[in-house]
Amino acid sequence: MRSRYTAYATGAVDYLLATQVEQDREAVESWAREARFTRLEVLDTGAGGSGDDQGVVEFAATWETRSQTHVHRERSTFERRQGRWIYVAGETPKAAPLRRESPRVGRNEPCPCGSGRKFKKCCGA
């Protein structure tokens, strides 16, 4: 994963094409040319050791285009083929469900905004 990120950052398109199953050369060249890669954070790994033929890496890559910062988070699958790790597929991990920290306000309870009205007649309407 780190070597592919470095290849994007340095514009090593031939390396990127050699380490991925299917790739559009023009798209890779365009993206590598337009983006300025600023950070790679490896979030999780699974398998991918010296005795494995498959591995998974979850990462967050940060880059800039036209003064805008972007972050791409992906869980990538790699396979070892003829002694070389090849990027096979990636998916965007789903965000964790949002958990409410405070208890839910009942319809007939006073509104938390402080108006003195019932929640159902104020902010809950």
C-alpha atoms as a PDB file:
ATOM      1  CA  MET A   1       0.000   0.000   0.000  1.00  0.00           C
ATOM      2  CA  ARG A   2       2.750   2.422   0.921  1.00  0.00           C
ATOM      3  CA  SER A   3       4.601   1.745  -2.321  1.00  0.00           C
ATOM      4  CA  ARG A   4       1.469   2.456  -4.388  1.00  0.00           C
ATOM      5  CA  TYR A   5       0.840   5.683  -2.469  1.00  0.00           C
ATOM      6  CA  THR A   6       4.446   6.736  -3.089  1.00  0.00           C
ATOM      7  CA  ALA A   7       4.018   5.895  -6.773  1.00  0.00           C
ATOM      8  CA  TYR A   8       0.961   8.156  -6.970  1.00  0.00           C
ATOM      9  CA  ALA A   9       2.840  10.921  -5.158  1.00  0.00           C
ATOM     10  CA  THR A  10       5.859  10.704  -7.488  1.00  0.00           C
ATOM     11  CA  GLY A  11       3.929  10.020 -10.690  1.00  0.00           C
ATOM     12  CA  ALA A  12       5.360   6.495 -11.204  1.00  0.00           C
ATOM     13  CA  VAL A  13       2.512   5.450 -13.497  1.00  0.00           C
ATOM     14  CA  ASP A  14       4.258   2.333 -14.840  1.00  0.00           C
ATOM     15  CA  TYR A  15       4.587   0.954 -11.295  1.00  0.00           C
ATOM     16  CA  LEU A  16       0.914   1.656 -10.587  1.00  0.00           C
ATOM     17  CA  LEU A  17      -0.145  -0.140 -13.753  1.00  0.00           C
ATOM     18  CA  ALA A  18       2.106  -3.102 -12.940  1.00  0.00           C
ATOM     19  CA  THR A  19       0.618  -3.497  -9.451  1.00  0.00           C
ATOM     20  CA  GLN A  20      -3.088  -3.385 -10.290  1.00  0.00           C
ATOM     21  CA  VAL A  21      -5.351  -5.842 -12.073  1.00  0.00           C
ATOM     22  CA  GLU A  22      -7.149  -3.404 -14.382  1.00  0.00           C
ATOM     23  CA  GLN A  23      -6.260   0.227 -14.819  1.00  0.00           C
ATOM     24  CA  ASP A  24      -6.886   3.121 -17.206  1.00  0.00           C
ATOM     25  CA  ARG A  25      -3.476   4.645 -17.959  1.00  0.00           C
ATOM     26  CA  GLU A  26      -4.847   8.066 -18.904  1.00  0.00           C
ATOM     27  CA  ALA A  27      -6.897   8.323 -15.697  1.00  0.00           C
ATOM     28  CA  VAL A  28      -3.914   7.349 -13.530  1.00  0.00           C
ATOM     29  CA  GLU A  29      -1.597   9.816 -15.273  1.00  0.00           C
ATOM     30  CA  SER A  30      -4.154  12.611 -14.999  1.00  0.00           C
ATOM     31  CA  TRP A  31      -4.820  12.045 -11.310  1.00  0.00           C
ATOM     32  CA  ALA A  32      -1.147  11.653 -10.406  1.00  0.00           C
ATOM     33  CA  ARG A  33      -0.345  14.856 -12.313  1.00  0.00           C
ATOM     34  CA  GLU A  34      -3.181  16.992 -10.862  1.00  0.00           C
ATOM     35  CA  ALA A  35      -3.054  15.872  -7.228  1.00  0.00           C
ATOM     36  CA  ARG A  36      -0.463  16.688  -4.588  1.00  0.00           C
ATOM     37  CA  PHE A  37      -0.415  13.799  -2.131  1.00  0.00           C
ATOM     38  CA  THR A  38       0.208  14.891   1.442  1.00  0.00           C
ATOM     39  CA  ARG A  39      -0.456  11.989   3.816  1.00  0.00           C
ATOM     40  CA  LEU A  40      -1.097   8.262   4.093  1.00  0.00           C
ATOM     41  CA  GLU A  41      -2.459   6.719   7.261  1.00  0.00           C
ATOM     42  CA  VAL A  42      -2.723   2.923   7.465  1.00  0.00           C
ATOM     43  CA  LEU A  43      -5.704   2.243   9.736  1.00  0.00           C
ATOM     44  CA  ASP A  44      -5.854  -1.562   9.755  1.00  0.00           C
ATOM     45  CA  THR A  45      -4.268  -4.605   8.112  1.00  0.00           C
ATOM     46  CA  GLY A  46      -5.275  -8.223   7.770  1.00  0.00           C
ATOM     47  CA  ALA A  47      -2.965 -11.020   6.656  1.00  0.00           C
ATOM     48  CA  GLY A  48      -0.485  -9.961   3.973  1.00  0.00           C
ATOM     49  CA  GLY A  49       2.526 -11.437   5.741  1.00  0.00           C
ATOM     50  CA  SER A  50       5.431 -13.311   4.179  1.00  0.00           C
ATOM     51  CA  GLY A  51       3.497 -16.602   4.155  1.00  0.00           C
ATOM     52  CA  ASP A  52       0.206 -15.185   2.868  1.00  0.00           C
ATOM     53  CA  ASP A  53      -1.117 -14.946  -0.685  1.00  0.00           C
ATOM     54  CA  GLN A  54      -3.818 -12.383   0.181  1.00  0.00           C
ATOM     55  CA  GLY A  55      -3.943  -9.310   2.360  1.00  0.00           C
ATOM     56  CA  VAL A  56      -6.222  -6.427   3.273  1.00  0.00           C
ATOM     57  CA  VAL A  57      -5.245  -2.851   4.113  1.00  0.00           C
ATOM     58  CA  GLU A  58      -7.571  -0.111   5.330  1.00  0.00           C
ATOM     59  CA  PHE A  59      -6.141   3.361   4.798  1.00  0.00           C
ATOM     60  CA  ALA A  60      -6.896   7.062   4.566  1.00  0.00           C
ATOM     61  CA  ALA A  61      -5.019   8.984   1.856  1.00  0.00           C
ATOM     62  CA  THR A  62      -4.970  12.781   1.838  1.00  0.00           C
ATOM     63  CA  TRP A  63      -4.270  14.893  -1.237  1.00  0.00           C
ATOM     64  CA  GLU A  64      -4.875  18.382  -2.569  1.00  0.00           C
ATOM     65  CA  THR A  65      -6.217  19.582  -5.903  1.00  0.00           C
ATOM     66  CA  ARG A  66      -6.773  23.236  -6.754  1.00  0.00           C
ATOM     67  CA  SER A  67      -6.314  24.305  -3.109  1.00  0.00           C
ATOM     68  CA  GLN A  68      -8.909  21.805  -1.850  1.00  0.00           C
ATOM     69  CA  THR A  69      -7.993  19.012   0.556  1.00  0.00           C
ATOM     70  CA  HIS A  70      -9.521  15.575  -0.027  1.00  0.00           C
ATOM     71  CA  VAL A  71      -9.418  12.385   2.032  1.00  0.00           C
ATOM     72  CA  HIS A  72     -10.062   8.971   0.506  1.00  0.00           C
ATOM     73  CA  ARG A  73     -10.695   6.097   2.894  1.00  0.00           C
ATOM     74  CA  GLU A  74     -10.658   2.587   1.487  1.00  0.00           C
ATOM     75  CA  ARG A  75     -10.344  -1.066   2.467  1.00  0.00           C
ATOM     76  CA  SER A  76      -8.164  -2.623  -0.257  1.00  0.00           C
ATOM     77  CA  THR A  77      -7.623  -6.255  -1.120  1.00  0.00           C
ATOM     78  CA  PHE A  78      -4.232  -7.404  -2.440  1.00  0.00           C
ATOM     79  CA  GLU A  79      -3.077 -10.751  -3.849  1.00  0.00           C
ATOM     80  CA  ARG A  80       0.444 -12.058  -4.252  1.00  0.00           C
ATOM     81  CA  ARG A  81       0.958 -13.102  -7.876  1.00  0.00           C
ATOM     82  CA  GLN A  82       4.309 -14.405  -9.059  1.00  0.00           C
ATOM     83  CA  GLY A  83       5.907 -13.008  -5.912  1.00  0.00           C
ATOM     84  CA  ARG A  84       4.465  -9.493  -6.328  1.00  0.00           C
ATOM     85  CA  TRP A  85       1.597  -7.851  -4.445  1.00  0.00           C
ATOM     86  CA  ILE A  86      -1.194  -6.765  -6.813  1.00  0.00           C
ATOM     87  CA  TYR A  87      -4.106  -4.452  -5.927  1.00  0.00           C
ATOM     88  CA  VAL A  88      -7.300  -6.381  -6.707  1.00  0.00           C
ATOM     89  CA  ALA A  89     -10.229  -4.361  -5.350  1.00  0.00           C
ATOM     90  CA  GLY A  90     -11.234  -1.717  -2.865  1.00  0.00           C
ATOM     91  CA  GLU A  91     -14.367  -0.669  -1.058  1.00  0.00           C
ATOM     92  CA  THR A  92     -15.287   2.344   1.015  1.00  0.00           C
ATOM     93  CA  PRO A  93     -15.890   1.314   4.629  1.00  0.00           C
ATOM     94  CA  LYS A  94     -19.296   2.203   5.999  1.00  0.00           C
ATOM     95  CA  ALA A  95     -19.344   4.823   8.726  1.00  0.00           C
ATOM     96  CA  ALA A  96     -20.203   3.691  12.226  1.00  0.00           C
ATOM     97  CA  PRO A  97     -23.807   4.421  13.215  1.00  0.00           C
ATOM     98  CA  LEU A  98     -24.320   7.721  14.970  1.00  0.00           C
ATOM     99  CA  ARG A  99     -25.055   7.202  18.656  1.00  0.00           C
ATOM    100  CA  ARG A 100     -27.008   9.777  20.627  1.00  0.00           C
ATOM    101  CA  GLU A 101     -25.089  10.828  23.760  1.00  0.00           C
ATOM    102  CA  SER A 102     -27.987  12.397  25.639  1.00  0.00           C
ATOM    103  CA  PRO A 103     -31.300  10.680  26.395  1.00  0.00           C
ATOM    104  CA  ARG A 104     -34.122  11.233  23.959  1.00  0.00           C
ATOM    105  CA  VAL A 105     -36.593  14.005  24.838  1.00  0.00           C
ATOM    106  CA  GLY A 106     -40.190  12.811  25.180  1.00  0.00           C
ATOM    107  CA  ARG A 107     -42.962  14.564  23.261  1.00  0.00           C
ATOM    108  CA  ASN A 108     -44.666  15.848  26.417  1.00  0.00           C
ATOM    109  CA  GLU A 109     -41.512  16.906  28.251  1.00  0.00           C
ATOM    110  CA  PRO A 110     -40.392  20.543  28.417  1.00  0.00           C
ATOM    111  CA  CYS A 111     -38.451  21.583  25.330  1.00  0.00           C
ATOM    112  CA  PRO A 112     -34.664  21.617  25.955  1.00  0.00           C
ATOM    113  CA  CYS A 113     -34.386  24.977  24.157  1.00  0.00           C
ATOM    114  CA  GLY A 114     -35.766  26.654  27.317  1.00  0.00           C
ATOM    115  CA  SER A 115     -38.952  28.118  25.802  1.00  0.00           C
ATOM    116  CA  GLY A 116     -41.145  26.621  28.540  1.00  0.00           C
ATOM    117  CA  ARG A 117     -43.348  24.907  25.950  1.00  0.00           C
ATOM    118  CA  LYS A 118     -43.724  21.163  25.468  1.00  0.00           C
ATOM    119  CA  PHE A 119     -41.214  19.641  23.073  1.00  0.00           C
ATOM    120  CA  LYS A 120     -43.968  18.503  20.659  1.00  0.00           C
ATOM    121  CA  LYS A 121     -45.260  22.105  20.348  1.00  0.00           C
ATOM    122  CA  CYS A 122     -41.819  23.693  20.033  1.00  0.00           C
ATOM    123  CA  CYS A 123     -38.670  22.206  18.478  1.00  0.00           C
ATOM    124  CA  GLY A 124     -40.219  18.757  18.035  1.00  0.00           C
ATOM    125  CA  ALA A 125     -42.879  20.033  15.627  1.00  0.00           C
END
